[in-house]
Amino acid sequence: MSSLDELQALLGEPVGRQPSPDDWNEVEQYVGSALPGDFKTFLNAYGSGAISGELVVFHPRGPSPLLGRMRKTHQTFTERRDRALSFGGSAHVPYPFHPEPGGLISWGRPQW
């Protein structure tokens, strides 16, 4: 049983979507790397949305496109980290964000 099959057993059948092979090009170009295939397969099948009311994920062509959210999140958290570092503390933001080398990549968020 594939990972997607296991998720379908938990979440139900996905709504019919027609993903384009080009959906991920801009996102992967921005990240500088291919994203995991199972991540893309899941989002191509289910699209953007909340999973079990806990985790929100975004598809590149969803109502809140992934690339725009990535850019905004990376900018916001980089500014917060830079501010914390300027005051001598980074305990609450210990890792850099993309596009810094080794930076974290935003791909979803908790359901508020």
C-alpha atoms as a PDB file:
ATOM      1  CA  MET A   1       0.000   0.000   0.000  1.00  0.00           C
ATOM      2  CA  SER A   2       1.439   3.406  -0.987  1.00  0.00           C
ATOM      3  CA  SER A   3       1.595   6.410   1.323  1.00  0.00           C
ATOM      4  CA  LEU A   4      -1.184   8.073  -0.675  1.00  0.00           C
ATOM      5  CA  ASP A   5      -3.332   4.940  -0.325  1.00  0.00           C
ATOM      6  CA  GLU A   6      -2.803   5.042   3.439  1.00  0.00           C
ATOM      7  CA  LEU A   7      -3.784   8.717   3.563  1.00  0.00           C
ATOM      8  CA  GLN A   8      -6.869   8.052   1.444  1.00  0.00           C
ATOM      9  CA  ALA A   9      -7.900   5.369   3.933  1.00  0.00           C
ATOM     10  CA  LEU A  10      -7.742   8.015   6.678  1.00  0.00           C
ATOM     11  CA  LEU A  11      -8.993  11.087   4.802  1.00  0.00           C
ATOM     12  CA  GLY A  12     -11.318   9.640   2.172  1.00  0.00           C
ATOM     13  CA  GLU A  13     -11.174   9.935  -1.569  1.00  0.00           C
ATOM     14  CA  PRO A  14      -9.739  13.199  -2.881  1.00  0.00           C
ATOM     15  CA  VAL A  15     -11.895  15.586  -4.856  1.00  0.00           C
ATOM     16  CA  GLY A  16     -11.202  15.253  -8.578  1.00  0.00           C
ATOM     17  CA  ARG A  17      -8.424  17.675  -9.491  1.00  0.00           C
ATOM     18  CA  GLN A  18      -6.614  18.269 -12.759  1.00  0.00           C
ATOM     19  CA  PRO A  19      -3.051  19.161 -11.756  1.00  0.00           C
ATOM     20  CA  SER A  20      -0.686  20.496 -14.365  1.00  0.00           C
ATOM     21  CA  PRO A  21       2.902  19.264 -14.609  1.00  0.00           C
ATOM     22  CA  ASP A  22       3.873  22.954 -14.513  1.00  0.00           C
ATOM     23  CA  ASP A  23       2.206  23.584 -11.120  1.00  0.00           C
ATOM     24  CA  TRP A  24       5.438  23.037  -9.186  1.00  0.00           C
ATOM     25  CA  ASN A  25       7.982  24.698 -11.515  1.00  0.00           C
ATOM     26  CA  GLU A  26       7.979  28.158  -9.913  1.00  0.00           C
ATOM     27  CA  VAL A  27       7.985  26.793  -6.368  1.00  0.00           C
ATOM     28  CA  GLU A  28      10.888  24.432  -7.034  1.00  0.00           C
ATOM     29  CA  GLN A  29      12.780  27.158  -8.861  1.00  0.00           C
ATOM     30  CA  TYR A  30      12.344  29.456  -5.841  1.00  0.00           C
ATOM     31  CA  VAL A  31      13.410  26.704  -3.408  1.00  0.00           C
ATOM     32  CA  GLY A  32      16.306  25.680  -5.666  1.00  0.00           C
ATOM     33  CA  SER A  33      15.445  21.999  -5.408  1.00  0.00           C
ATOM     34  CA  ALA A  34      12.763  19.489  -6.267  1.00  0.00           C
ATOM     35  CA  LEU A  35      10.226  18.998  -3.496  1.00  0.00           C
ATOM     36  CA  PRO A  36       9.474  15.464  -2.254  1.00  0.00           C
ATOM     37  CA  GLY A  37       7.356  13.509  -4.710  1.00  0.00           C
ATOM     38  CA  ASP A  38       4.926  12.246  -2.070  1.00  0.00           C
ATOM     39  CA  PHE A  39       4.300  15.824  -0.894  1.00  0.00           C
ATOM     40  CA  LYS A  40       3.457  16.918  -4.446  1.00  0.00           C
ATOM     41  CA  THR A  41       1.357  13.793  -5.100  1.00  0.00           C
ATOM     42  CA  PHE A  42      -0.681  14.431  -1.942  1.00  0.00           C
ATOM     43  CA  LEU A  43      -1.295  18.107  -2.776  1.00  0.00           C
ATOM     44  CA  ASN A  44      -2.039  17.329  -6.415  1.00  0.00           C
ATOM     45  CA  ALA A  45      -4.696  14.872  -5.212  1.00  0.00           C
ATOM     46  CA  TYR A  46      -6.211  16.862  -2.321  1.00  0.00           C
ATOM     47  CA  GLY A  47      -5.237  20.467  -3.027  1.00  0.00           C
ATOM     48  CA  SER A  48      -4.954  23.190  -0.405  1.00  0.00           C
ATOM     49  CA  GLY A  49      -6.787  22.785   2.862  1.00  0.00           C
ATOM     50  CA  ALA A  50      -6.785  21.726   6.494  1.00  0.00           C
ATOM     51  CA  ILE A  51      -5.928  18.162   7.474  1.00  0.00           C
ATOM     52  CA  SER A  52      -7.987  16.931  10.432  1.00  0.00           C
ATOM     53  CA  GLY A  53      -8.439  20.518  11.595  1.00  0.00           C
ATOM     54  CA  GLU A  54      -4.770  20.611  12.634  1.00  0.00           C
ATOM     55  CA  LEU A  55      -2.477  21.356   9.689  1.00  0.00           C
ATOM     56  CA  VAL A  56      -3.069  23.656   6.731  1.00  0.00           C
ATOM     57  CA  VAL A  57      -1.192  22.936   3.496  1.00  0.00           C
ATOM     58  CA  PHE A  58      -1.092  24.914   0.265  1.00  0.00           C
ATOM     59  CA  HIS A  59      -0.998  23.894  -3.399  1.00  0.00           C
ATOM     60  CA  PRO A  60       0.775  26.172  -5.917  1.00  0.00           C
ATOM     61  CA  ARG A  61      -2.534  26.800  -7.751  1.00  0.00           C
ATOM     62  CA  GLY A  62      -4.806  26.901  -4.702  1.00  0.00           C
ATOM     63  CA  PRO A  63      -6.805  29.874  -3.393  1.00  0.00           C
ATOM     64  CA  SER A  64      -3.748  30.898  -1.333  1.00  0.00           C
ATOM     65  CA  PRO A  65      -0.874  29.874  -3.632  1.00  0.00           C
ATOM     66  CA  LEU A  66       2.085  28.119  -1.998  1.00  0.00           C
ATOM     67  CA  LEU A  67       4.789  30.302  -3.562  1.00  0.00           C
ATOM     68  CA  GLY A  68       3.252  33.557  -2.347  1.00  0.00           C
ATOM     69  CA  ARG A  69       2.825  32.129   1.151  1.00  0.00           C
ATOM     70  CA  MET A  70       6.423  30.861   1.136  1.00  0.00           C
ATOM     71  CA  ARG A  71       7.823  34.243   0.172  1.00  0.00           C
ATOM     72  CA  LYS A  72       5.758  36.093   2.770  1.00  0.00           C
ATOM     73  CA  THR A  73       6.529  33.607   5.555  1.00  0.00           C
ATOM     74  CA  HIS A  74      10.249  33.497   4.773  1.00  0.00           C
ATOM     75  CA  GLN A  75      10.444  37.300   4.745  1.00  0.00           C
ATOM     76  CA  THR A  76       8.472  37.678   7.992  1.00  0.00           C
ATOM     77  CA  PHE A  77      10.464  35.074   9.910  1.00  0.00           C
ATOM     78  CA  THR A  78      13.805  36.303   8.533  1.00  0.00           C
ATOM     79  CA  GLU A  79      12.956  39.798   9.781  1.00  0.00           C
ATOM     80  CA  ARG A  80      11.977  38.395  13.210  1.00  0.00           C
ATOM     81  CA  ARG A  81      15.159  36.347  13.404  1.00  0.00           C
ATOM     82  CA  ASP A  82      17.327  39.295  12.356  1.00  0.00           C
ATOM     83  CA  ARG A  83      15.658  41.465  14.995  1.00  0.00           C
ATOM     84  CA  ALA A  84      16.214  38.806  17.673  1.00  0.00           C
ATOM     85  CA  LEU A  85      19.860  38.388  16.652  1.00  0.00           C
ATOM     86  CA  SER A  86      20.415  42.157  16.797  1.00  0.00           C
ATOM     87  CA  PHE A  87      19.377  42.035  20.463  1.00  0.00           C
ATOM     88  CA  GLY A  88      21.648  39.078  21.153  1.00  0.00           C
ATOM     89  CA  GLY A  89      19.054  36.345  21.298  1.00  0.00           C
ATOM     90  CA  SER A  90      17.854  33.749  18.845  1.00  0.00           C
ATOM     91  CA  ALA A  91      16.548  31.019  21.116  1.00  0.00           C
ATOM     92  CA  HIS A  92      13.006  31.352  19.767  1.00  0.00           C
ATOM     93  CA  VAL A  93      14.148  31.512  16.110  1.00  0.00           C
ATOM     94  CA  PRO A  94      17.299  29.351  16.047  1.00  0.00           C
ATOM     95  CA  TYR A  95      17.366  28.482  12.327  1.00  0.00           C
ATOM     96  CA  PRO A  96      17.678  30.657   9.224  1.00  0.00           C
ATOM     97  CA  PHE A  97      14.920  30.756   6.613  1.00  0.00           C
ATOM     98  CA  HIS A  98      15.126  30.279   2.879  1.00  0.00           C
ATOM     99  CA  PRO A  99      16.855  31.676   0.840  1.00  0.00           C
ATOM    100  CA  GLU A 100      19.745  31.605   3.355  1.00  0.00           C
ATOM    101  CA  PRO A 101      21.883  28.471   2.909  1.00  0.00           C
ATOM    102  CA  GLY A 102      20.359  25.637   4.911  1.00  0.00           C
ATOM    103  CA  GLY A 103      17.292  27.792   5.545  1.00  0.00           C
ATOM    104  CA  LEU A 104      13.927  26.366   6.538  1.00  0.00           C
ATOM    105  CA  ILE A 105      11.226  26.128   3.877  1.00  0.00           C
ATOM    106  CA  SER A 106       7.629  26.951   4.736  1.00  0.00           C
ATOM    107  CA  TRP A 107       5.145  24.463   3.297  1.00  0.00           C
ATOM    108  CA  GLY A 108       2.171  24.706   5.650  1.00  0.00           C
ATOM    109  CA  ARG A 109       1.055  26.022   9.017  1.00  0.00           C
ATOM    110  CA  PRO A 110      -0.951  24.965  12.061  1.00  0.00           C
ATOM    111  CA  GLN A 111      -4.726  25.453  11.938  1.00  0.00           C
ATOM    112  CA  TRP A 112      -5.433  28.446  14.175  1.00  0.00           C
END
